[in-house]
Amino acid sequence: MTDLRLTPLAASLPSTVPFVGPEAQERARGAAFEARLGANESVFGPSPKVAEAMAAVDLWKYGDPENHDLRQALAAHHGIDAQHIMVGEGIDGLLGYLVRLFVGPGDHVVTSLGAYPTFNYHVAGYGGTLHTVPYSDDHEDPEALFAKAAETGAKLVYLANPDNPMGTWHDGKTLERALDRLPDGCVLVLDEAYIECAPPGTAPEIDPGDPRVIRMRTFSKVYGLAGARVGYAIGAAPLIDAFNKVRNHFGMNRAAQAGALAALQDQSYLGHVQEQIGGARDRIARIASDNGLAALPSATNFVAIDCGADGAFAKAVLDGLIARGIFVRMPFAAPQNRCIRVSCGTAENLDAFATALPAALNDARKG
């Protein structure tokens, strides 16, 4: 066959993914990174009990397609019924299923300009029309998002709290009040990937049966299981059940299911990682200050550092760090792209970052 018989939509899309992985960058530069501080993984790793649980799994068996044990444990953890929980292949996988359920050619969705790009990737893949609103003082703007949703007749509006890539956040009460302005027939996709890093009161108090909201959570961040790809959604039972129309029923592998369950059950280790993250955020802020830069307050496991100029200058700083073996990323839309984004790391990781940053800044200033 000389001609691929792709759908017209698929044929129109670029052959790209939202992120260039650090492994691809290592292959391009011909060397491994000394410090992997760009993907917001948890270098502190999962609970030791996770490895034990995953190693004990009979991998010749498919994973339970209902994710029963993990869903029941999550329901108990949150004090809700399991009918409100759907487990999937990370938040990215769940976003793909959700967009497939709601979005086709001509359907409208709303997000913030520069917010998490994987949501946009799925919207484009199903032919939706994406509308964006700007950040307000480096925060996503719920009022503006919901106003744009009303203006466009959007089916979905995406909001991350805490935010990626800026690390900023709204308190839960602010979001609860803003929900009164969400237009009828629109669903708020509330991405809470970093909620375990955030101050108390950041998560809004929303009834899991509220049909206006679906919340996304993950084991990729504080639980240290980014490579296992485990996420879950909390929402009204009819919406949760609708995922069964389109999801990959054997998408969750058995080892990942067991690992997530063990991680959830070891909350003391979660507390240990939260302390490590807090210390690393403080260290990153000090490194920024020592170099005449400002770190934004963060409720995540990364810190956005304002490089004090424009996106071109921040990109030059990033390139200088990459060249010196420090993997970091940066926001891709102005004015947030004046920053670089540095994930929390070990003391050794941050020592390497502290050593590389002055030279990277010097190179950027020379142009």
Protein backbone atom coordinates (compact mmCIF):
# COMPACT_ATOMS: atom_id res chain seq x y z
CA MET A 1 0.00 0.00 0.00
CA THR A 2 1.50 3.33 -1.05
CA ASP A 3 -1.25 5.49 0.44
CA LEU A 4 -2.27 5.30 4.09
CA ARG A 5 -6.05 5.39 4.33
CA LEU A 6 -6.09 7.61 7.41
CA THR A 7 -9.19 9.51 8.35
CA PRO A 8 -9.15 13.09 7.09
CA LEU A 9 -8.81 14.28 10.70
CA ALA A 10 -5.84 12.01 11.43
CA ALA A 11 -4.20 12.97 8.15
CA SER A 12 -4.48 16.65 9.07
CA LEU A 13 -2.68 16.32 12.40
CA PRO A 14 1.07 16.77 12.93
CA SER A 15 3.00 13.66 13.90
CA THR A 16 4.05 15.02 17.27
CA VAL A 17 3.43 14.43 20.95
CA PRO A 18 3.14 17.10 23.67
CA PHE A 19 6.56 16.46 25.23
CA VAL A 20 10.02 15.49 24.05
CA GLY A 21 11.11 12.97 26.67
CA PRO A 22 14.42 13.24 28.52
CA GLU A 23 15.49 9.94 26.99
CA ALA A 24 15.19 11.45 23.49
CA GLN A 25 17.21 14.44 24.62
CA GLU A 26 19.88 12.16 26.11
CA ARG A 27 20.13 10.28 22.82
CA ALA A 28 20.46 13.56 20.93
CA ARG A 29 23.20 14.89 23.20
CA GLY A 30 24.97 11.53 23.45
CA ALA A 31 25.09 11.55 27.23
CA ALA A 32 22.85 10.92 30.21
CA PHE A 33 21.60 13.77 32.36
CA GLU A 34 23.28 14.26 35.71
CA ALA A 35 20.05 15.56 37.24
CA ARG A 36 16.57 14.71 35.90
CA LEU A 37 14.56 17.71 37.07
CA GLY A 38 12.16 18.37 34.22
CA ALA A 39 9.28 15.87 34.25
CA ASN A 40 7.95 16.39 37.80
CA GLU A 41 8.52 12.76 38.69
CA SER A 42 9.26 11.90 42.30
CA VAL A 43 12.96 11.11 42.51
CA PHE A 44 12.27 10.07 46.10
CA GLY A 45 10.60 6.96 44.73
CA PRO A 46 7.63 4.95 45.92
CA SER A 47 7.17 3.21 49.23
CA PRO A 48 9.45 0.17 49.64
CA LYS A 49 6.24 -1.83 50.00
CA VAL A 50 5.40 -1.03 46.39
CA ALA A 51 8.35 -2.98 44.97
CA GLU A 52 7.45 -5.96 47.15
CA ALA A 53 3.84 -5.91 46.01
CA MET A 54 4.73 -5.55 42.32
CA ALA A 55 7.34 -8.30 42.45
CA ALA A 56 4.82 -10.74 43.93
CA VAL A 57 2.37 -10.34 41.03
CA ASP A 58 1.69 -13.19 38.61
CA LEU A 59 2.33 -11.34 35.37
CA TRP A 60 1.00 -14.15 33.23
CA LYS A 61 -2.46 -12.97 34.27
CA TYR A 62 -4.24 -9.98 32.78
CA GLY A 63 -5.02 -7.23 35.25
CA ASP A 64 -8.52 -7.14 36.70
CA PRO A 65 -10.45 -5.13 34.08
CA GLU A 66 -12.67 -3.66 36.81
CA ASN A 67 -9.71 -2.54 38.96
CA HIS A 68 -11.91 -3.69 41.83
CA ASP A 69 -9.45 -3.81 44.72
CA LEU A 70 -7.87 -0.45 43.91
CA ARG A 71 -11.22 1.25 43.36
CA GLN A 72 -12.52 -0.08 46.68
CA ALA A 73 -9.40 1.10 48.48
CA LEU A 74 -9.61 4.54 46.88
CA ALA A 75 -13.28 4.77 47.80
CA ALA A 76 -12.45 3.98 51.43
CA HIS A 77 -9.55 6.47 51.38
CA HIS A 78 -11.85 9.27 50.18
CA GLY A 79 -14.92 8.19 52.14
CA ILE A 80 -17.07 7.78 49.03
CA ASP A 81 -18.69 4.96 47.07
CA ALA A 82 -16.63 3.10 44.47
CA GLN A 83 -19.24 3.92 41.81
CA HIS A 84 -17.71 7.41 41.78
CA ILE A 85 -14.19 6.20 40.85
CA MET A 86 -12.63 5.18 37.55
CA VAL A 87 -9.04 3.94 37.36
CA GLY A 88 -7.01 4.46 34.19
CA GLU A 89 -3.58 4.72 32.62
CA GLY A 90 -2.56 7.92 34.36
CA ILE A 91 -4.41 11.21 34.08
CA ASP A 92 -3.25 11.40 30.46
CA GLY A 93 -5.11 8.20 29.62
CA LEU A 94 -8.22 9.28 31.47
CA LEU A 95 -8.20 12.66 29.70
CA GLY A 96 -8.09 10.80 26.40
CA TYR A 97 -11.13 8.71 27.31
CA LEU A 98 -13.00 11.74 28.63
CA VAL A 99 -12.39 13.77 25.48
CA ARG A 100 -13.44 10.79 23.37
CA LEU A 101 -16.72 10.68 25.28
CA PHE A 102 -17.49 14.39 24.88
CA VAL A 103 -15.68 15.84 21.90
CA GLY A 104 -16.14 15.42 18.17
CA PRO A 105 -15.63 17.72 15.20
CA GLY A 106 -17.23 21.07 15.91
CA ASP A 107 -17.43 20.64 19.69
CA HIS A 108 -15.90 23.37 21.84
CA VAL A 109 -13.66 23.12 24.90
CA VAL A 110 -11.88 25.75 27.01
CA THR A 111 -8.51 25.79 28.74
CA SER A 112 -5.87 28.31 29.83
CA LEU A 113 -3.25 29.48 27.35
CA GLY A 114 -0.11 27.61 28.33
CA ALA A 115 -1.79 25.06 30.62
CA TYR A 116 -1.06 21.31 30.52
CA PRO A 117 -0.78 20.53 26.79
CA THR A 118 -1.81 16.86 26.80
CA PHE A 119 -5.45 17.89 27.21
CA ASN A 120 -5.13 20.04 24.07
CA TYR A 121 -3.50 17.11 22.24
CA HIS A 122 -6.52 14.89 22.90
CA VAL A 123 -8.95 17.64 21.87
CA ALA A 124 -7.14 18.05 18.55
CA GLY A 125 -7.14 14.27 18.07
CA TYR A 126 -10.93 14.15 18.19
CA GLY A 127 -11.52 17.26 16.11
CA GLY A 128 -12.62 19.61 18.87
CA THR A 129 -12.24 23.38 18.79
CA LEU A 130 -9.98 24.69 21.57
CA HIS A 131 -10.53 28.12 23.13
CA THR A 132 -8.00 29.62 25.54
CA VAL A 133 -7.98 32.38 28.13
CA PRO A 134 -4.85 34.00 29.58
CA TYR A 135 -3.47 33.39 33.04
CA SER A 136 -4.06 36.09 35.63
CA ASP A 137 -0.99 36.90 37.73
CA ASP A 138 0.48 33.45 36.92
CA HIS A 139 -2.74 31.73 38.10
CA GLU A 140 -5.35 30.02 36.01
CA ASP A 141 -8.47 32.20 36.04
CA PRO A 142 -11.65 30.25 36.87
CA GLU A 143 -13.97 33.20 36.29
CA ALA A 144 -12.51 33.84 32.83
CA LEU A 145 -12.52 30.15 31.95
CA PHE A 146 -16.18 29.76 32.85
CA ALA A 147 -17.12 32.98 31.04
CA LYS A 148 -15.40 31.70 27.90
CA ALA A 149 -17.23 28.39 28.28
CA ALA A 150 -20.55 30.25 28.40
CA GLU A 151 -19.57 32.34 25.38
CA THR A 152 -18.57 29.35 23.23
CA GLY A 153 -21.06 26.73 24.43
CA ALA A 154 -18.15 24.55 25.54
CA LYS A 155 -18.74 20.99 26.65
CA LEU A 156 -15.59 20.80 28.77
CA VAL A 157 -13.44 23.33 30.60
CA TYR A 158 -10.03 22.26 31.89
CA LEU A 159 -8.49 23.68 35.07
CA ALA A 160 -5.51 22.37 37.02
CA ASN A 161 -5.33 23.16 40.73
CA PRO A 162 -2.48 23.32 41.70
CA ASP A 163 -1.36 24.48 38.28
CA ASN A 164 1.20 23.03 35.94
CA PRO A 165 3.47 24.68 34.75
CA MET A 166 3.44 27.56 37.26
CA GLY A 167 2.91 25.73 40.56
CA THR A 168 0.34 28.30 41.70
CA TRP A 169 -2.99 27.41 43.26
CA HIS A 170 -6.42 28.57 44.37
CA ASP A 171 -7.94 27.68 47.71
CA GLY A 172 -10.87 25.30 47.54
CA LYS A 173 -13.43 27.88 48.58
CA THR A 174 -12.53 30.04 45.57
CA LEU A 175 -13.29 27.18 43.22
CA GLU A 176 -16.49 26.30 45.05
CA ARG A 177 -17.76 29.85 44.58
CA ALA A 178 -16.65 29.95 40.94
CA LEU A 179 -18.64 26.82 40.15
CA ASP A 180 -21.84 28.88 40.40
CA ARG A 181 -20.76 30.49 37.10
CA LEU A 182 -20.09 27.26 35.23
CA PRO A 183 -22.67 27.20 32.42
CA ASP A 184 -25.31 24.48 32.25
CA GLY A 185 -24.24 21.45 30.27
CA CYS A 186 -20.51 22.12 30.72
CA VAL A 187 -18.27 19.81 32.76
CA LEU A 188 -15.30 21.11 34.72
CA VAL A 189 -12.27 18.84 34.31
CA LEU A 190 -10.45 19.55 37.57
CA ASP A 191 -6.90 18.21 37.32
CA GLU A 192 -5.57 17.65 40.85
CA ALA A 193 -2.38 15.81 39.96
CA TYR A 194 -0.41 17.76 42.58
CA ILE A 195 -3.04 17.96 45.31
CA GLU A 196 -0.97 15.90 47.78
CA CYS A 197 1.73 18.61 47.56
CA ALA A 198 -0.67 21.47 48.31
CA PRO A 199 -1.64 23.22 51.57
CA PRO A 200 -4.73 22.05 53.44
CA GLY A 201 -7.88 23.59 52.00
CA THR A 202 -6.65 23.58 48.40
CA ALA A 203 -9.05 20.83 47.35
CA PRO A 204 -12.62 22.14 47.06
CA GLU A 205 -15.40 20.32 48.88
CA ILE A 206 -17.46 18.97 46.00
CA ASP A 207 -19.97 16.15 46.30
CA PRO A 208 -18.67 13.24 44.17
CA GLY A 209 -22.15 12.99 42.68
CA ASP A 210 -22.06 16.57 41.37
CA PRO A 211 -22.50 16.16 37.57
CA ARG A 212 -20.71 19.44 36.86
CA VAL A 213 -17.24 18.23 37.90
CA ILE A 214 -14.87 15.36 37.23
CA ARG A 215 -11.67 15.35 39.28
CA MET A 216 -8.42 13.76 38.13
CA ARG A 217 -5.86 12.33 40.54
CA THR A 218 -2.65 10.38 40.02
CA PHE A 219 -0.05 8.08 41.56
CA SER A 220 2.64 9.61 39.32
CA LYS A 221 3.69 12.46 41.60
CA VAL A 222 3.97 12.16 45.39
CA TYR A 223 3.34 8.40 45.30
CA GLY A 224 6.35 7.97 43.00
CA LEU A 225 4.76 5.74 40.36
CA ALA A 226 5.06 7.79 37.16
CA GLY A 227 6.45 4.79 35.27
CA ALA A 228 3.55 2.57 36.30
CA ARG A 229 0.88 4.88 34.81
CA VAL A 230 -1.92 4.84 37.36
CA GLY A 231 -4.48 7.59 37.68
CA TYR A 232 -8.09 7.84 38.75
CA ALA A 233 -11.11 10.03 38.22
CA ILE A 234 -13.76 11.00 40.77
CA GLY A 235 -17.15 11.97 39.42
CA ALA A 236 -20.87 11.37 39.22
CA ALA A 237 -21.76 7.70 38.77
CA PRO A 238 -23.32 8.05 35.28
CA LEU A 239 -20.21 9.82 33.96
CA ILE A 240 -17.88 7.32 35.60
CA ASP A 241 -19.86 4.45 34.11
CA ALA A 242 -19.67 6.06 30.66
CA PHE A 243 -15.90 5.42 30.65
CA ASN A 244 -16.77 1.73 30.26
CA LYS A 245 -18.08 2.53 26.78
CA VAL A 246 -14.66 3.51 25.45
CA ARG A 247 -11.82 2.55 27.80
CA ASN A 248 -9.26 -0.17 27.24
CA HIS A 249 -10.54 -2.76 29.70
CA PHE A 250 -7.13 -4.41 30.02
CA GLY A 251 -5.26 -1.10 29.95
CA MET A 252 -4.14 -1.39 33.57
CA ASN A 253 -1.44 -3.98 34.07
CA ARG A 254 -1.60 -6.19 37.14
CA ALA A 255 1.72 -5.01 38.60
CA ALA A 256 0.65 -1.36 38.39
CA GLN A 257 -2.63 -2.17 40.14
CA ALA A 258 -0.79 -3.92 42.98
CA GLY A 259 1.81 -1.16 43.26
CA ALA A 260 -0.77 1.60 43.48
CA LEU A 261 -2.69 -0.30 46.14
CA ALA A 262 0.47 -0.75 48.23
CA ALA A 263 1.36 2.93 47.80
CA LEU A 264 -2.08 4.06 48.92
CA GLN A 265 -1.89 1.88 52.00
CA ASP A 266 1.46 3.36 53.11
CA GLN A 267 0.40 6.89 54.06
CA SER A 268 3.33 7.28 56.46
CA TYR A 269 5.72 7.03 53.51
CA LEU A 270 3.61 9.58 51.66
CA GLY A 271 4.17 11.95 54.59
CA HIS A 272 7.92 11.36 54.37
CA VAL A 273 7.93 12.29 50.65
CA GLN A 274 5.85 15.40 51.33
CA GLU A 275 8.55 16.53 53.78
CA GLN A 276 11.25 15.87 51.18
CA ILE A 277 9.33 17.91 48.62
CA GLY A 278 8.94 20.81 51.03
CA GLY A 279 12.65 20.86 51.71
CA ALA A 280 13.51 20.66 48.02
CA ARG A 281 11.17 23.54 47.16
CA ASP A 282 12.90 25.69 49.78
CA ARG A 283 16.33 24.75 48.39
CA ILE A 284 15.32 25.58 44.79
CA ALA A 285 14.02 28.96 45.97
CA ARG A 286 17.35 29.66 47.72
CA ILE A 287 19.32 28.69 44.62
CA ALA A 288 17.18 31.07 42.56
CA SER A 289 17.68 33.89 45.07
CA ASP A 290 21.44 33.29 45.22
CA ASN A 291 21.50 33.92 41.46
CA GLY A 292 19.36 37.06 41.54
CA LEU A 293 16.22 35.28 40.36
CA ALA A 294 12.77 34.92 41.93
CA ALA A 295 11.02 31.63 42.62
CA LEU A 296 7.24 31.58 42.43
CA PRO A 297 5.41 30.15 45.46
CA SER A 298 4.61 26.51 44.70
CA ALA A 299 2.02 23.97 45.85
CA THR A 300 3.51 21.24 43.64
CA ASN A 301 6.63 19.09 43.46
CA PHE A 302 8.34 21.66 41.24
CA VAL A 303 9.20 25.35 41.34
CA ALA A 304 8.85 27.89 38.54
CA ILE A 305 11.80 30.31 38.54
CA ASP A 306 11.33 33.73 36.96
CA CYS A 307 14.44 34.39 34.88
CA GLY A 308 13.66 38.11 34.81
CA ALA A 309 13.37 38.65 31.07
CA ASP A 310 11.44 37.12 28.17
CA GLY A 311 10.91 33.65 26.78
CA ALA A 312 13.98 33.81 24.55
CA PHE A 313 16.20 34.50 27.55
CA ALA A 314 14.59 31.72 29.62
CA LYS A 315 15.07 29.32 26.70
CA ALA A 316 18.74 30.26 26.58
CA VAL A 317 19.04 29.51 30.30
CA LEU A 318 17.28 26.19 29.79
CA ASP A 319 19.58 25.30 26.90
CA GLY A 320 22.59 26.15 29.04
CA LEU A 321 21.35 23.82 31.77
CA ILE A 322 20.63 21.02 29.30
CA ALA A 323 24.14 21.39 27.87
CA ARG A 324 25.52 20.97 31.40
CA GLY A 325 23.54 17.81 32.07
CA ILE A 326 20.59 19.29 33.97
CA PHE A 327 17.19 18.35 32.52
CA VAL A 328 14.57 21.03 33.18
CA ARG A 329 11.59 22.36 31.23
CA MET A 330 9.81 25.69 30.79
CA PRO A 331 6.31 27.00 30.10
CA PHE A 332 5.56 27.37 26.40
CA ALA A 333 3.29 30.46 26.33
CA ALA A 334 4.00 34.08 27.19
CA PRO A 335 4.29 35.60 29.72
CA GLN A 336 4.78 32.40 31.73
CA ASN A 337 7.62 31.40 29.41
CA ARG A 338 9.87 33.92 31.16
CA CYS A 339 10.32 31.08 33.69
CA ILE A 340 12.07 27.75 33.85
CA ARG A 341 10.46 24.91 35.78
CA VAL A 342 12.59 22.80 38.12
CA SER A 343 11.31 19.58 39.69
CA CYS A 344 12.10 18.75 43.30
CA GLY A 345 15.16 16.55 43.56
CA THR A 346 17.60 14.99 45.96
CA ALA A 347 20.33 17.03 47.61
CA GLU A 348 22.77 15.72 44.98
CA ASN A 349 20.40 16.70 42.13
CA LEU A 350 20.04 20.22 43.49
CA ASP A 351 23.78 20.55 44.13
CA ALA A 352 24.29 19.86 40.43
CA PHE A 353 21.61 22.40 39.50
CA ALA A 354 23.17 25.00 41.80
CA THR A 355 26.55 24.46 40.14
CA ALA A 356 25.20 24.67 36.58
CA LEU A 357 22.80 27.60 36.93
CA PRO A 358 25.33 30.49 37.25
CA ALA A 359 27.16 29.38 34.12
CA ALA A 360 23.90 28.91 32.20
CA LEU A 361 22.79 32.39 33.20
CA ASN A 362 26.14 33.84 32.20
CA ASP A 363 25.91 32.24 28.76
CA ALA A 364 22.34 33.50 28.31
CA ARG A 365 23.33 37.05 29.22
CA LYS A 366 26.14 36.99 26.68
CA GLY A 367 23.59 35.98 24.05
